[in-house]
Amino acid sequence: MKKIVLSTLVALVFATVSSCSGKKTETQNEQNQSVEQYQCPMKCTEEIFDKAGKCPVCEMDLEKISNS
């Protein structure tokens, strides 16, 4: 009887932990998708920027890149 209660308790804890971590991952993915990223069209620097502006190397306008 103790083994059944213990295994049920372990299964319940595991199910709770795994469902909570899944919700956290979905929230992080939503945040990552909403961030705009910009990069130099000439790729003279591999740096990714979070705001539109000018490339620090060639001074061209940064272009928005996809989040894929």
PDB file of N, CA and C in Angstrom:
ATOM      1  N   MET A   1       0.819  -1.186   0.000  1.00  0.00           N
ATOM      2  CA  MET A   1       0.000   0.000   0.000  1.00  0.00           C
ATOM      3  C   MET A   1       0.871   1.261   0.000  1.00  0.00           C
ATOM      4  N   LYS A   2       1.978   1.224   0.773  1.00  0.00           N
ATOM      5  CA  LYS A   2       2.873   2.374   0.831  1.00  0.00           C
ATOM      6  C   LYS A   2       3.506   2.650  -0.528  1.00  0.00           C
ATOM      7  N   LYS A   3       3.830   1.587  -1.263  1.00  0.00           N
ATOM      8  CA  LYS A   3       4.439   1.756  -2.581  1.00  0.00           C
ATOM      9  C   LYS A   3       3.479   2.436  -3.545  1.00  0.00           C
ATOM     10  N   ILE A   4       2.215   2.097  -3.476  1.00  0.00           N
ATOM     11  CA  ILE A   4       1.214   2.696  -4.365  1.00  0.00           C
ATOM     12  C   ILE A   4       1.054   4.181  -4.056  1.00  0.00           C
ATOM     13  N   VAL A   5       0.967   4.522  -2.775  1.00  0.00           N
ATOM     14  CA  VAL A   5       0.819   5.920  -2.372  1.00  0.00           C
ATOM     15  C   VAL A   5       2.061   6.710  -2.776  1.00  0.00           C
ATOM     16  N   LEU A   6       3.238   6.149  -2.541  1.00  0.00           N
ATOM     17  CA  LEU A   6       4.482   6.833  -2.873  1.00  0.00           C
ATOM     18  C   LEU A   6       4.615   7.027  -4.383  1.00  0.00           C
ATOM     19  N   SER A   7       4.321   6.020  -5.166  1.00  0.00           N
ATOM     20  CA  SER A   7       4.436   6.154  -6.624  1.00  0.00           C
ATOM     21  C   SER A   7       3.409   7.142  -7.172  1.00  0.00           C
ATOM     22  N   THR A   8       2.227   7.186  -6.594  1.00  0.00           N
ATOM     23  CA  THR A   8       1.209   8.149  -7.008  1.00  0.00           C
ATOM     24  C   THR A   8       1.666   9.570  -6.690  1.00  0.00           C
ATOM     25  N   LEU A   9       2.234   9.753  -5.521  1.00  0.00           N
ATOM     26  CA  LEU A   9       2.735  11.060  -5.123  1.00  0.00           C
ATOM     27  C   LEU A   9       3.869  11.517  -6.045  1.00  0.00           C
ATOM     28  N   VAL A  10       4.782  10.636  -6.368  1.00  0.00           N
ATOM     29  CA  VAL A  10       5.892  10.961  -7.259  1.00  0.00           C
ATOM     30  C   VAL A  10       5.357  11.331  -8.644  1.00  0.00           C
ATOM     31  N   ALA A  11       4.402  10.587  -9.151  1.00  0.00           N
ATOM     32  CA  ALA A  11       3.817  10.878 -10.460  1.00  0.00           C
ATOM     33  C   ALA A  11       3.118  12.235 -10.457  1.00  0.00           C
ATOM     34  N   LEU A  12       2.431  12.555  -9.395  1.00  0.00           N
ATOM     35  CA  LEU A  12       1.734  13.834  -9.283  1.00  0.00           C
ATOM     36  C   LEU A  12       2.726  14.994  -9.261  1.00  0.00           C
ATOM     37  N   VAL A  13       3.794  14.853  -8.513  1.00  0.00           N
ATOM     38  CA  VAL A  13       4.819  15.904  -8.449  1.00  0.00           C
ATOM     39  C   VAL A  13       5.472  16.068  -9.815  1.00  0.00           C
ATOM     40  N   PHE A  14       5.793  14.979 -10.480  1.00  0.00           N
ATOM     41  CA  PHE A  14       6.413  15.040 -11.807  1.00  0.00           C
ATOM     42  C   PHE A  14       5.487  15.732 -12.808  1.00  0.00           C
ATOM     43  N   ALA A  15       4.209  15.409 -12.793  1.00  0.00           N
ATOM     44  CA  ALA A  15       3.248  16.020 -13.713  1.00  0.00           C
ATOM     45  C   ALA A  15       3.125  17.518 -13.458  1.00  0.00           C
ATOM     46  N   THR A  16       3.133  17.921 -12.211  1.00  0.00           N
ATOM     47  CA  THR A  16       3.030  19.341 -11.863  1.00  0.00           C
ATOM     48  C   THR A  16       4.262  20.102 -12.320  1.00  0.00           C
ATOM     49  N   VAL A  17       5.430  19.561 -12.083  1.00  0.00           N
ATOM     50  CA  VAL A  17       6.672  20.223 -12.459  1.00  0.00           C
ATOM     51  C   VAL A  17       6.782  20.342 -13.974  1.00  0.00           C
ATOM     52  N   SER A  18       6.465  19.294 -14.698  1.00  0.00           N
ATOM     53  CA  SER A  18       6.604  19.341 -16.152  1.00  0.00           C
ATOM     54  C   SER A  18       5.594  20.288 -16.781  1.00  0.00           C
ATOM     55  N   SER A  19       4.395  20.401 -16.239  1.00  0.00           N
ATOM     56  CA  SER A  19       3.420  21.323 -16.807  1.00  0.00           C
ATOM     57  C   SER A  19       3.794  22.767 -16.522  1.00  0.00           C
ATOM     58  N   CYS A  20       4.383  23.041 -15.386  1.00  0.00           N
ATOM     59  CA  CYS A  20       4.803  24.406 -15.063  1.00  0.00           C
ATOM     60  C   CYS A  20       5.962  24.837 -15.940  1.00  0.00           C
ATOM     61  N   SER A  21       6.914  23.969 -16.201  1.00  0.00           N
ATOM     62  CA  SER A  21       8.054  24.348 -17.028  1.00  0.00           C
ATOM     63  C   SER A  21       7.626  24.574 -18.469  1.00  0.00           C
ATOM     64  N   GLY A  22       6.624  23.883 -18.953  1.00  0.00           N
ATOM     65  CA  GLY A  22       6.124  24.101 -20.297  1.00  0.00           C
ATOM     66  C   GLY A  22       5.515  25.474 -20.463  1.00  0.00           C
ATOM     67  N   LYS A  23       4.803  25.957 -19.462  1.00  0.00           N
ATOM     68  CA  LYS A  23       4.204  27.288 -19.520  1.00  0.00           C
ATOM     69  C   LYS A  23       5.282  28.359 -19.537  1.00  0.00           C
ATOM     70  N   LYS A  24       6.350  28.169 -18.814  1.00  0.00           N
ATOM     71  CA  LYS A  24       7.441  29.131 -18.778  1.00  0.00           C
ATOM     72  C   LYS A  24       8.089  29.237 -20.150  1.00  0.00           C
ATOM     73  N   THR A  25       8.282  28.110 -20.813  1.00  0.00           N
ATOM     74  CA  THR A  25       8.903  28.100 -22.137  1.00  0.00           C
ATOM     75  C   THR A  25       8.030  28.835 -23.142  1.00  0.00           C
ATOM     76  N   GLU A  26       6.715  28.634 -23.102  1.00  0.00           N
ATOM     77  CA  GLU A  26       5.824  29.321 -24.019  1.00  0.00           C
ATOM     78  C   GLU A  26       5.903  30.828 -23.812  1.00  0.00           C
ATOM     79  N   THR A  27       5.983  31.275 -22.577  1.00  0.00           N
ATOM     80  CA  THR A  27       6.071  32.703 -22.283  1.00  0.00           C
ATOM     81  C   THR A  27       7.375  33.270 -22.821  1.00  0.00           C
ATOM     82  N   GLN A  28       8.474  32.558 -22.664  1.00  0.00           N
ATOM     83  CA  GLN A  28       9.762  33.021 -23.171  1.00  0.00           C
ATOM     84  C   GLN A  28       9.742  33.103 -24.693  1.00  0.00           C
ATOM     85  N   ASN A  29       9.124  32.130 -25.365  1.00  0.00           N
ATOM     86  CA  ASN A  29       9.040  32.160 -26.818  1.00  0.00           C
ATOM     87  C   ASN A  29       8.231  33.356 -27.295  1.00  0.00           C
ATOM     88  N   GLU A  30       7.137  33.676 -26.618  1.00  0.00           N
ATOM     89  CA  GLU A  30       6.324  34.829 -26.985  1.00  0.00           C
ATOM     90  C   GLU A  30       7.130  36.113 -26.842  1.00  0.00           C
ATOM     91  N   GLN A  31       7.933  36.230 -25.806  1.00  0.00           N
ATOM     92  CA  GLN A  31       8.747  37.422 -25.606  1.00  0.00           C
ATOM     93  C   GLN A  31       9.806  37.526 -26.698  1.00  0.00           C
ATOM     94  N   ASN A  32      10.434  36.416 -27.062  1.00  0.00           N
ATOM     95  CA  ASN A  32      11.470  36.433 -28.082  1.00  0.00           C
ATOM     96  C   ASN A  32      10.908  36.815 -29.447  1.00  0.00           C
ATOM     97  N   GLN A  33       9.686  36.400 -29.753  1.00  0.00           N
ATOM     98  CA  GLN A  33       9.093  36.693 -31.043  1.00  0.00           C
ATOM     99  C   GLN A  33       8.711  38.156 -31.168  1.00  0.00           C
ATOM    100  N   SER A  34       8.429  38.837 -30.070  1.00  0.00           N
ATOM    101  CA  SER A  34       7.973  40.220 -30.129  1.00  0.00           C
ATOM    102  C   SER A  34       9.130  41.221 -30.211  1.00  0.00           C
ATOM    103  N   VAL A  35      10.361  40.784 -30.066  1.00  0.00           N
ATOM    104  CA  VAL A  35      11.518  41.671 -30.109  1.00  0.00           C
ATOM    105  C   VAL A  35      11.957  41.859 -31.562  1.00  0.00           C
ATOM    106  N   GLU A  36      12.071  43.121 -31.982  1.00  0.00           N
ATOM    107  CA  GLU A  36      12.564  43.401 -33.328  1.00  0.00           C
ATOM    108  C   GLU A  36      14.079  43.431 -33.303  1.00  0.00           C
ATOM    109  N   GLN A  37      14.687  42.887 -34.370  1.00  0.00           N
ATOM    110  CA  GLN A  37      16.140  42.853 -34.458  1.00  0.00           C
ATOM    111  C   GLN A  37      16.577  43.456 -35.787  1.00  0.00           C
ATOM    112  N   TYR A  38      17.726  44.111 -35.760  1.00  0.00           N
ATOM    113  CA  TYR A  38      18.238  44.787 -36.936  1.00  0.00           C
ATOM    114  C   TYR A  38      19.688  44.382 -37.163  1.00  0.00           C
ATOM    115  N   GLN A  39      20.089  44.381 -38.471  1.00  0.00           N
ATOM    116  CA  GLN A  39      21.454  44.015 -38.829  1.00  0.00           C
ATOM    117  C   GLN A  39      21.865  44.827 -40.059  1.00  0.00           C
ATOM    118  N   CYS A  40      23.154  45.032 -40.220  1.00  0.00           N
ATOM    119  CA  CYS A  40      23.677  45.752 -41.372  1.00  0.00           C
ATOM    120  C   CYS A  40      23.403  44.943 -42.641  1.00  0.00           C
ATOM    121  N   PRO A  41      22.891  45.567 -43.705  1.00  0.00           N
ATOM    122  CA  PRO A  41      22.632  44.830 -44.945  1.00  0.00           C
ATOM    123  C   PRO A  41      23.915  44.357 -45.625  1.00  0.00           C
ATOM    124  N   MET A  42      25.039  45.007 -45.357  1.00  0.00           N
ATOM    125  CA  MET A  42      26.326  44.605 -45.938  1.00  0.00           C
ATOM    126  C   MET A  42      27.020  43.536 -45.100  1.00  0.00           C
ATOM    127  N   LYS A  43      26.466  43.265 -43.913  1.00  0.00           N
ATOM    128  CA  LYS A  43      27.012  42.265 -42.986  1.00  0.00           C
ATOM    129  C   LYS A  43      28.491  42.519 -42.665  1.00  0.00           C
ATOM    130  N   CYS A  44      28.855  43.805 -42.594  1.00  0.00           N
ATOM    131  CA  CYS A  44      30.242  44.127 -42.254  1.00  0.00           C
ATOM    132  C   CYS A  44      30.512  43.895 -40.770  1.00  0.00           C
ATOM    133  N   THR A  45      29.451  43.714 -39.990  1.00  0.00           N
ATOM    134  CA  THR A  45      29.571  43.307 -38.600  1.00  0.00           C
ATOM    135  C   THR A  45      28.496  42.266 -38.336  1.00  0.00           C
ATOM    136  N   GLU A  46      28.800  41.273 -37.568  1.00  0.00           N
ATOM    137  CA  GLU A  46      27.831  40.223 -37.247  1.00  0.00           C
ATOM    138  C   GLU A  46      26.935  40.617 -36.075  1.00  0.00           C
ATOM    139  N   GLU A  47      27.116  41.818 -35.567  1.00  0.00           N
ATOM    140  CA  GLU A  47      26.361  42.282 -34.413  1.00  0.00           C
ATOM    141  C   GLU A  47      24.887  42.452 -34.769  1.00  0.00           C
ATOM    142  N   ILE A  48      24.014  42.067 -33.835  1.00  0.00           N
ATOM    143  CA  ILE A  48      22.571  42.220 -33.975  1.00  0.00           C
ATOM    144  C   ILE A  48      22.141  43.351 -33.030  1.00  0.00           C
ATOM    145  N   PHE A  49      21.326  44.271 -33.545  1.00  0.00           N
ATOM    146  CA  PHE A  49      20.889  45.425 -32.767  1.00  0.00           C
ATOM    147  C   PHE A  49      19.405  45.318 -32.464  1.00  0.00           C
ATOM    148  N   ASP A  50      18.967  45.906 -31.349  1.00  0.00           N
ATOM    149  CA  ASP A  50      17.551  45.857 -30.986  1.00  0.00           C
ATOM    150  C   ASP A  50      16.806  47.128 -31.385  1.00  0.00           C
ATOM    151  N   LYS A  51      17.507  48.098 -31.981  1.00  0.00           N
ATOM    152  CA  LYS A  51      16.895  49.345 -32.436  1.00  0.00           C
ATOM    153  C   LYS A  51      17.375  49.661 -33.843  1.00  0.00           C
ATOM    154  N   ALA A  52      16.513  50.334 -34.601  1.00  0.00           N
ATOM    155  CA  ALA A  52      16.922  50.802 -35.920  1.00  0.00           C
ATOM    156  C   ALA A  52      17.968  51.894 -35.742  1.00  0.00           C
ATOM    157  N   GLY A  53      18.820  52.037 -36.740  1.00  0.00           N
ATOM    158  CA  GLY A  53      19.859  53.057 -36.671  1.00  0.00           C
ATOM    159  C   GLY A  53      20.838  52.868 -37.800  1.00  0.00           C
ATOM    160  N   LYS A  54      22.074  53.253 -37.573  1.00  0.00           N
ATOM    161  CA  LYS A  54      23.126  53.150 -38.576  1.00  0.00           C
ATOM    162  C   LYS A  54      24.173  52.133 -38.124  1.00  0.00           C
ATOM    163  N   CYS A  55      24.765  51.449 -39.100  1.00  0.00           N
ATOM    164  CA  CYS A  55      25.854  50.501 -38.831  1.00  0.00           C
ATOM    165  C   CYS A  55      27.048  51.286 -38.311  1.00  0.00           C
ATOM    166  N   PRO A  56      27.680  50.826 -37.241  1.00  0.00           N
ATOM    167  CA  PRO A  56      28.836  51.551 -36.699  1.00  0.00           C
ATOM    168  C   PRO A  56      30.068  51.469 -37.602  1.00  0.00           C
ATOM    169  N   VAL A  57      30.090  50.527 -38.563  1.00  0.00           N
ATOM    170  CA  VAL A  57      31.254  50.370 -39.435  1.00  0.00           C
ATOM    171  C   VAL A  57      31.074  51.154 -40.734  1.00  0.00           C
ATOM    172  N   CYS A  58      29.985  50.872 -41.494  1.00  0.00           N
ATOM    173  CA  CYS A  58      29.807  51.494 -42.807  1.00  0.00           C
ATOM    174  C   CYS A  58      28.761  52.611 -42.810  1.00  0.00           C
ATOM    175  N   GLU A  59      28.064  52.790 -41.707  1.00  0.00           N
ATOM    176  CA  GLU A  59      27.059  53.834 -41.523  1.00  0.00           C
ATOM    177  C   GLU A  59      25.846  53.705 -42.435  1.00  0.00           C
ATOM    178  N   MET A  60      25.579  52.507 -42.962  1.00  0.00           N
ATOM    179  CA  MET A  60      24.338  52.258 -43.701  1.00  0.00           C
ATOM    180  C   MET A  60      23.204  52.062 -42.715  1.00  0.00           C
ATOM    181  N   ASP A  61      21.968  52.302 -43.171  1.00  0.00           N
ATOM    182  CA  ASP A  61      20.807  52.061 -42.318  1.00  0.00           C
ATOM    183  C   ASP A  61      20.686  50.576 -42.026  1.00  0.00           C
ATOM    184  N   LEU A  62      20.432  50.228 -40.765  1.00  0.00           N
ATOM    185  CA  LEU A  62      20.223  48.835 -40.385  1.00  0.00           C
ATOM    186  C   LEU A  62      18.881  48.361 -40.927  1.00  0.00           C
ATOM    187  N   GLU A  63      18.800  47.082 -41.296  1.00  0.00           N
ATOM    188  CA  GLU A  63      17.567  46.493 -41.797  1.00  0.00           C
ATOM    189  C   GLU A  63      16.997  45.528 -40.779  1.00  0.00           C
ATOM    190  N   LYS A  64      15.658  45.476 -40.716  1.00  0.00           N
ATOM    191  CA  LYS A  64      14.981  44.544 -39.811  1.00  0.00           C
ATOM    192  C   LYS A  64      15.208  43.136 -40.328  1.00  0.00           C
ATOM    193  N   ILE A  65      15.520  42.205 -39.422  1.00  0.00           N
ATOM    194  CA  ILE A  65      15.703  40.806 -39.791  1.00  0.00           C
ATOM    195  C   ILE A  65      14.605  39.964 -39.159  1.00  0.00           C
ATOM    196  N   SER A  66      14.357  38.809 -39.755  1.00  0.00           N
ATOM    197  CA  SER A  66      13.315  37.929 -39.216  1.00  0.00           C
ATOM    198  C   SER A  66      13.836  37.233 -37.973  1.00  0.00           C
ATOM    199  N   ASN A  67      12.909  36.761 -37.117  1.00  0.00           N
ATOM    200  CA  ASN A  67      13.263  36.093 -35.855  1.00  0.00           C
ATOM    201  C   ASN A  67      13.374  34.600 -36.017  1.00  0.00           C
ATOM    202  N   SER A  68      13.524  34.079 -37.201  1.00  0.00           N
ATOM    203  CA  SER A  68      13.570  32.625 -37.397  1.00  0.00           C
ATOM    204  C   SER A  68      14.856  32.048 -36.913  1.00  0.00           C
TER     205      SER A  68
END
